[in-house]
Protein backbone atom coordinates (compact mmCIF):
# COMPACT_ATOMS: atom_id res chain seq x y z
CA MET A 1 0.00 0.00 0.00
CA ILE A 2 1.28 3.45 -0.94
CA THR A 3 -0.75 6.43 0.28
CA ARG A 4 -0.14 10.18 0.20
CA PHE A 5 -1.19 13.47 1.70
CA ALA A 6 -1.19 16.36 -0.78
CA PRO A 7 -1.76 19.79 0.78
CA SER A 8 -1.68 23.10 -1.08
CA PRO A 9 0.58 25.72 0.58
CA THR A 10 -2.05 28.45 0.33
CA GLY A 11 -3.03 28.61 3.99
CA PRO A 12 -2.78 26.80 7.34
CA LEU A 13 -3.64 23.17 8.01
CA HIS A 14 -6.96 22.82 9.85
CA LEU A 15 -8.64 19.89 11.57
CA GLY A 16 -9.97 18.51 8.29
CA HIS A 17 -6.47 18.36 6.84
CA ALA A 18 -5.18 16.71 10.01
CA TYR A 19 -7.85 14.02 9.79
CA SER A 20 -7.03 13.20 6.17
CA ALA A 21 -3.26 13.21 6.75
CA ILE A 22 -3.41 11.05 9.87
CA LEU A 23 -5.81 8.60 8.21
CA ALA A 24 -3.60 8.19 5.11
CA HIS A 25 -0.50 7.82 7.32
CA ASP A 26 -2.06 5.30 9.70
CA MET A 27 -3.61 3.20 6.95
CA ALA A 28 -0.23 2.84 5.24
CA ARG A 29 1.59 2.07 8.48
CA ALA A 30 -1.02 -0.56 9.44
CA GLN A 31 -0.19 -2.41 6.20
CA THR A 32 3.59 -1.89 6.57
CA GLY A 33 3.20 0.33 3.53
CA THR A 34 4.55 3.65 2.33
CA PHE A 35 3.27 7.13 3.16
CA LEU A 36 4.29 10.02 0.90
CA LEU A 37 3.92 13.78 1.00
CA ARG A 38 3.15 15.92 -2.05
CA ILE A 39 3.09 19.71 -2.06
CA GLU A 40 0.45 20.85 -4.56
CA ASP A 41 1.96 24.24 -5.38
CA ILE A 42 0.85 24.42 -9.02
CA ASP A 43 -0.95 27.71 -8.29
CA ARG A 44 2.14 29.90 -8.08
CA GLN A 45 0.18 33.07 -7.31
CA ARG A 46 -1.38 31.73 -4.09
CA SER A 47 1.28 29.24 -2.97
CA LYS A 48 3.71 30.64 -0.39
CA PRO A 49 6.97 29.12 0.98
CA GLU A 50 6.00 30.17 4.51
CA TRP A 51 2.80 28.14 4.32
CA GLU A 52 4.73 25.08 3.11
CA THR A 53 7.14 25.43 6.02
CA GLN A 54 4.28 25.67 8.49
CA ILE A 55 2.44 22.70 6.95
CA ILE A 56 5.49 20.46 7.22
CA ASP A 57 6.12 21.62 10.80
CA ASP A 58 2.50 20.90 11.78
CA LEU A 59 2.58 17.44 10.19
CA ARG A 60 5.76 16.53 12.05
CA TRP A 61 4.23 17.84 15.29
CA LEU A 62 1.27 15.52 14.69
CA GLY A 63 3.76 12.64 14.68
CA LEU A 64 3.62 11.92 10.95
CA ASP A 65 6.65 10.94 8.91
CA TRP A 66 6.97 10.23 5.22
CA ASP A 67 9.18 7.81 3.32
CA ALA A 68 10.68 10.08 0.64
CA GLU A 69 11.38 13.72 0.00
CA PRO A 70 8.15 15.64 -0.72
CA LEU A 71 7.17 15.86 -4.38
CA ARG A 72 6.40 19.41 -5.48
CA GLN A 73 4.08 20.06 -8.37
CA SER A 74 6.17 23.07 -9.39
CA THR A 75 8.85 20.60 -10.55
CA ARG A 76 6.37 18.61 -12.63
CA LEU A 77 5.46 21.14 -15.32
CA PRO A 78 7.20 19.21 -18.14
CA ALA A 79 5.06 16.14 -17.34
CA TYR A 80 1.86 18.21 -17.43
CA ARG A 81 2.86 19.82 -20.71
CA ALA A 82 3.64 16.41 -22.27
CA ALA A 83 0.23 15.05 -21.22
CA LEU A 84 -1.54 18.09 -22.65
CA GLN A 85 0.42 17.64 -25.87
CA THR A 86 -0.71 14.01 -26.07
CA LEU A 87 -4.36 14.91 -25.53
CA TRP A 88 -4.09 17.78 -28.02
CA GLN A 89 -2.61 15.55 -30.72
CA ASP A 90 -5.41 13.07 -30.06
CA ASP A 91 -7.91 15.88 -30.78
CA LEU A 92 -9.36 15.69 -27.26
CA LEU A 93 -8.70 19.30 -26.22
CA TYR A 94 -9.89 22.64 -27.51
CA PRO A 95 -9.06 26.25 -26.56
CA CYS A 96 -11.68 28.22 -24.65
CA THR A 97 -11.91 32.00 -24.35
CA CYS A 98 -15.06 32.15 -22.21
CA ASN A 99 -14.95 33.91 -18.85
CA ARG A 100 -17.19 33.11 -15.89
CA ARG A 101 -19.81 35.66 -16.92
CA ASP A 102 -19.97 34.19 -20.45
CA ILE A 103 -20.42 30.68 -19.06
CA LEU A 104 -23.13 31.72 -16.62
CA ALA A 105 -25.05 33.57 -19.35
CA ALA A 106 -24.81 30.69 -21.83
CA ALA A 107 -25.63 28.01 -19.27
CA SER A 108 -28.62 29.90 -17.90
CA ALA A 109 -30.24 30.86 -21.20
CA PRO A 110 -32.07 27.60 -22.04
CA HIS A 111 -33.17 26.90 -18.46
CA GLU A 112 -35.88 28.34 -16.29
CA GLY A 113 -34.09 27.54 -13.05
CA ASP A 114 -30.49 27.59 -11.91
CA PRO A 115 -27.82 26.45 -14.40
CA PRO A 116 -26.77 22.78 -14.08
CA MET A 117 -23.86 22.21 -11.70
CA GLY A 118 -21.05 19.64 -11.80
CA PRO A 119 -17.91 18.92 -9.73
CA ASP A 120 -16.24 22.10 -11.05
CA GLY A 121 -19.27 24.37 -10.76
CA ILE A 122 -21.50 25.33 -13.68
CA ILE A 123 -21.39 22.67 -16.40
CA TYR A 124 -19.78 24.27 -19.43
CA PRO A 125 -22.32 24.69 -22.25
CA GLY A 126 -19.80 23.95 -25.03
CA THR A 127 -19.64 27.42 -26.59
CA CYS A 128 -16.02 27.22 -27.75
CA ARG A 129 -16.29 23.53 -28.59
CA GLY A 130 -18.66 24.49 -31.36
CA ILE A 131 -16.26 27.11 -32.68
CA HIS A 132 -13.40 24.64 -32.66
CA ALA A 133 -15.45 21.91 -34.34
CA GLY A 134 -16.33 24.29 -37.13
CA SER A 135 -12.76 25.35 -37.80
CA GLY A 136 -11.94 22.15 -39.71
CA ARG A 137 -8.31 22.21 -38.56
CA ARG A 138 -6.60 18.98 -37.52
CA HIS A 139 -4.62 19.16 -34.31
CA SER A 140 -1.72 17.32 -35.88
CA ASP A 141 -1.24 20.44 -38.03
CA VAL A 142 -1.57 22.96 -35.18
CA PRO A 143 0.81 23.48 -32.22
CA LEU A 144 -0.53 23.16 -28.68
CA PRO A 145 -1.97 26.62 -27.86
CA GLN A 146 -0.09 28.60 -25.21
CA ASP A 147 -1.47 31.03 -22.61
CA THR A 148 -5.07 29.98 -23.09
CA THR A 149 -7.61 27.81 -21.30
CA LEU A 150 -7.79 24.25 -22.63
CA ARG A 151 -10.87 22.08 -22.14
CA LEU A 152 -11.35 18.34 -22.51
CA ASP A 153 -13.95 17.46 -25.13
CA MET A 154 -15.83 15.01 -22.92
CA GLY A 155 -17.90 13.58 -25.79
CA LYS A 156 -14.79 12.59 -27.70
CA ALA A 157 -13.07 11.43 -24.52
CA VAL A 158 -15.77 8.98 -23.49
CA THR A 159 -16.01 7.67 -27.07
CA ARG A 160 -12.26 7.03 -27.02
CA VAL A 161 -12.53 5.20 -23.69
CA MET A 162 -15.49 3.13 -24.89
CA ASP A 163 -13.66 2.12 -28.05
CA ALA A 164 -10.63 1.02 -26.05
CA ARG A 165 -12.76 -0.96 -23.60
CA ARG A 166 -14.58 -2.76 -26.42
CA THR A 167 -11.24 -3.74 -27.93
CA GLU A 168 -9.92 -4.92 -24.58
CA HIS A 169 -12.97 -6.69 -23.19
CA GLY A 170 -15.15 -7.38 -26.20
CA ALA A 171 -18.10 -5.70 -24.52
CA LYS A 172 -19.64 -2.28 -24.18
CA THR A 173 -18.27 -1.68 -20.67
CA PHE A 174 -17.27 1.84 -19.75
CA ALA A 175 -15.45 2.81 -16.54
CA SER A 176 -15.33 2.09 -12.82
CA PHE A 177 -13.18 2.36 -9.71
CA SER A 178 -12.96 0.61 -6.32
CA GLU A 179 -14.17 2.53 -3.26
CA THR A 180 -13.28 1.50 0.32
CA GLY A 181 -14.45 4.56 2.25
CA ARG A 182 -17.90 6.05 1.70
CA ARG A 183 -20.99 3.90 1.24
CA PRO A 184 -21.80 2.09 -0.90
CA LYS A 185 -18.36 0.53 -0.93
CA GLY A 186 -17.06 -1.71 -3.66
CA LEU A 187 -17.05 -1.20 -7.40
CA ILE A 188 -18.40 2.21 -8.46
CA GLU A 189 -19.51 2.13 -12.09
CA PHE A 190 -20.56 5.11 -14.17
CA THR A 191 -21.73 5.76 -17.69
CA ALA A 192 -20.62 7.88 -20.62
CA THR A 193 -23.93 9.75 -20.43
CA GLU A 194 -23.18 10.75 -16.83
CA MET A 195 -19.84 12.18 -17.88
CA GLU A 196 -21.28 14.24 -20.71
CA GLN A 197 -24.44 15.48 -18.99
CA ASN A 198 -23.35 15.80 -15.33
CA ILE A 199 -19.70 16.84 -15.73
CA GLY A 200 -19.09 18.18 -19.22
CA ASP A 201 -15.99 19.70 -20.79
CA ILE A 202 -13.74 20.31 -17.79
CA VAL A 203 -10.71 22.62 -17.80
CA LEU A 204 -7.34 20.86 -18.01
CA SER A 205 -5.12 23.93 -18.26
CA ARG A 206 -5.61 27.63 -17.56
CA ARG A 207 -4.17 30.82 -18.93
CA ASP A 208 -2.47 31.72 -15.66
CA PHE A 209 -0.82 28.36 -14.94
CA LEU A 210 -0.08 25.14 -16.79
CA GLY A 211 -2.25 22.16 -15.96
CA SER A 212 -5.19 21.85 -13.56
CA TYR A 213 -5.97 19.95 -10.38
CA HIS A 214 -7.57 17.11 -12.34
CA LEU A 215 -4.62 16.66 -14.69
CA SER A 216 -1.89 17.09 -12.10
CA VAL A 217 -3.41 14.79 -9.48
CA VAL A 218 -3.74 11.96 -12.01
CA LEU A 219 -0.18 12.33 -13.27
CA ASP A 220 1.33 12.82 -9.82
CA ASP A 221 -0.44 9.84 -8.28
CA ALA A 222 0.90 7.72 -11.14
CA ALA A 223 4.42 9.14 -10.79
CA GLN A 224 4.47 8.37 -7.05
CA GLY A 225 2.99 4.90 -7.54
CA ILE A 226 0.02 5.65 -5.28
CA THR A 227 -2.08 2.51 -4.76
CA ASP A 228 -4.68 3.98 -2.40
CA VAL A 229 -5.94 7.57 -2.55
CA ILE A 230 -7.32 8.70 0.81
CA ARG A 231 -9.16 12.03 0.57
CA GLY A 232 -12.33 13.89 1.52
CA ASP A 233 -15.81 12.98 0.34
CA ASP A 234 -16.09 16.34 -1.41
CA LEU A 235 -13.82 14.92 -4.14
CA PHE A 236 -15.88 11.77 -4.77
CA ALA A 237 -17.64 13.18 -7.87
CA ALA A 238 -14.30 14.32 -9.32
CA THR A 239 -13.01 10.75 -9.19
CA LYS A 240 -14.97 9.94 -12.33
CA ILE A 241 -13.00 12.67 -14.13
CA HIS A 242 -9.76 11.21 -12.85
CA VAL A 243 -10.64 7.71 -14.02
CA ILE A 244 -11.36 9.01 -17.53
CA LEU A 245 -8.01 10.81 -17.63
CA GLN A 246 -6.24 7.69 -16.36
CA ARG A 247 -7.78 5.71 -19.21
CA LEU A 248 -6.84 8.35 -21.79
CA LEU A 249 -3.26 8.73 -20.53
CA GLY A 250 -2.61 5.04 -19.91
CA VAL A 251 -1.87 5.22 -16.18
CA PRO A 252 -3.22 2.95 -13.41
CA THR A 253 -6.39 3.65 -11.43
CA PRO A 254 -5.74 3.50 -7.67
CA THR A 255 -8.21 2.30 -5.07
CA TYR A 256 -10.08 5.26 -3.58
CA HIS A 257 -11.08 5.85 0.03
CA HIS A 258 -13.29 8.93 0.40
CA HIS A 259 -13.71 9.81 4.07
CA ALA A 260 -16.27 11.93 5.88
CA LEU A 261 -15.51 15.65 6.21
CA ILE A 262 -14.77 17.43 9.46
CA ARG A 263 -17.42 20.13 9.83
CA ASP A 264 -17.99 23.17 12.02
CA ASN A 265 -20.83 23.63 14.50
CA HIS A 266 -23.14 24.72 11.67
CA GLY A 267 -22.45 21.62 9.56
CA ARG A 268 -20.23 23.40 7.04
CA ARG A 269 -17.03 21.72 5.93
CA LEU A 270 -13.87 23.42 7.12
CA ALA A 271 -11.90 25.67 4.76
CA LYS A 272 -8.56 27.44 5.05
CA ARG A 273 -10.36 30.61 6.07
CA ASP A 274 -11.31 28.83 9.31
CA ASP A 275 -8.23 29.98 11.19
CA ALA A 276 -9.90 29.16 14.49
CA ARG A 277 -9.63 25.49 13.49
CA ALA A 278 -6.01 25.77 12.36
CA ILE A 279 -3.60 23.23 13.84
CA ARG A 280 -1.22 26.06 14.74
CA THR A 281 -3.97 27.68 16.83
CA TYR A 282 -4.54 24.48 18.78
CA ARG A 283 -0.78 24.13 19.32
CA THR A 284 -0.55 27.69 20.62
CA GLU A 285 -3.39 26.98 23.04
CA GLY A 286 -1.52 23.99 24.45
CA ALA A 287 -3.21 21.06 22.68
CA SER A 288 -1.29 17.83 22.14
CA PRO A 289 -1.22 15.61 19.04
CA ALA A 290 -3.39 13.16 21.01
CA ASP A 291 -5.93 15.95 21.54
CA ILE A 292 -6.09 16.56 17.78
CA ARG A 293 -6.68 12.86 17.14
CA HIS A 294 -9.49 12.93 19.70
CA LEU A 295 -11.06 16.06 18.16
CA VAL A 296 -11.26 14.44 14.70
CA GLY A 297 -12.55 11.11 15.99
CA LEU A 298 -9.37 9.05 15.65
């Protein structure tokens, strides 16, 4: 078993982070496995060295240790660019110039109620996909666009996955992953229709930084050999995106363990703005690592 904890150095660790980190660490240690640390600093505007230093200090104070030097996403840009190049050459990406206001207006127009929502917010209505489809240009003749948003054409992506699965299994199977945390546990299967209607054309790279969470997490988990991804239940829906990307990029699908979220007194999940729940605050007030474990139910 190889697990990981992958914080972003954009703020302090809070109780929710502590729960996820301790759980991933303890599950690996219980199986005489490997626990790794990854610093998800792909967002260079918000990531700060001082936050990384504090995160590592808090993790060590909690009694956690990892079995290799931390992997930093900022060193992985060539891998992200190569994956984007592969998807571009396979005609699975298209450039998008829509801003949030454009997307909201286009997504709301045909509906009487609120626009449909997916794991990344409003489901993209495909405005720029139509422009790209009408251009008639083959990607093999066009360089990968720079300094622009790139979206995955989900319709083409699921067709590509279905074709590969038919070749491999001789049946019209689609995609699945193994879940050991949330209920129902076991094999989670999903359909191509779900991906197109409930998720849509997700962003894989932005103008302001190369890659996206979805692309980087898939490539980094593969690079670190992660066998079991332990993370919050808020990322369960995004797992379907990650499985599709794993199929398209030819990397393994780990086992997933989505755990319950630590919430505040009003039932809201904790965020980095919740400084009152920061591990550093508890340390300053005299709490022990054992107290933190007790607070998060471990």
